[in-house]
Amino acid sequence: MKQYQHGALKGLLIDLDGTMYQGSRPVDGADRLIRHLQREGIAYRFVTNNSSATPVEVASRLSAMGIPARPEDVCTSAQAAAVYIAKLAPHSSVFVIGQKGLREALTEAGLRLMDEHPDFVVQGIDREFTYDRVAQAVQHIRSGVPFILTNPDRLVPSTHGLLPGAGSIGAMIQAASGQEPIIIGKPSSILMNYALDSIGLTHRETWVVGDNLATDIAAGIASGCGTALVLTGLTTRENYDDYKNQAGCTPDIIYDTLDELTADLPSLQKLSLSDTSWEV
């Protein structure tokens, strides 16, 4: 049995797609989990690789499903990318391939959107990108401009099945430019560290909850947080071993449902560094 490297739980960083909802339907127990956190005063943030939607839009979508959410509860890869660049080079200029959520986050961080002679190329999901836009990005990167990718997800779920994600566009740009991007979203720790700053807790006090070993759990491990895999979306008991081998990591705890996680939170709040891990 391995030893936990985390103290008593004070907060959760919660994935969205596959954890809180699937498509337009909430995952069973999502509303009950959030209401329990609010009632017990446990801090939390919704953490998403989606760079296209603003926090207001994400919160509105969750609220429409009956899951309590405010914009300030949301941390997106777009916000994390904007803060990352603003800390490196305040008031710098960026060439953007992305949608409203990314553009708003960049401008709110004091960055300037420019097509010519930018300081950075920033790319997220863009459902209206053109060949000319990609060609411009490649030219900038080949001239030495740093390439920032909001998230590496090559496929994203939709009502019509899996569709190309930000990582698919990024793969095209990387292949043409010969430059590997700096990745902001999960499994990178950059998004998680942004969320930790937002929640005001340390990694030893915070657990990551998600349904994807390769993104959510890997990001939690990279940032030093505790990790709880919920079998509510991508990962199931049947495919767990396959995904574990592909991801090369394992969670601290596995729960079949969100209600099991909710019921177990009092135990996690009493953890000490000497406690052993288990699977439910």
Foldseek 3Di string as FASTA:
>chain_A
DDFDQFFAAQEEAEEPDLTQAPALAGFPCQQVLQVLCVVVVRFYAYEYLAQADQLCVVQVSSVVNVRHDDSLRYFYLLLLVLVVVCVVPNQFEEAEQYHDSNVVNNVVSNYHYDLPPGQAYEYFFHPPDDPVSLVSNLVNVLVPRAYEYSAQDQWDQHPVGTDGTRNVSVVVSCVSNVDDHDYQAFPDLSSVVVVCVSRVHAQSNYEYEEAACQGRVNNNVNRNHAYEHEPRGDDDPVCPVVRCVVNVDDHLEYHPGSVVVSVCSVVSSRGRRRDHGDYD
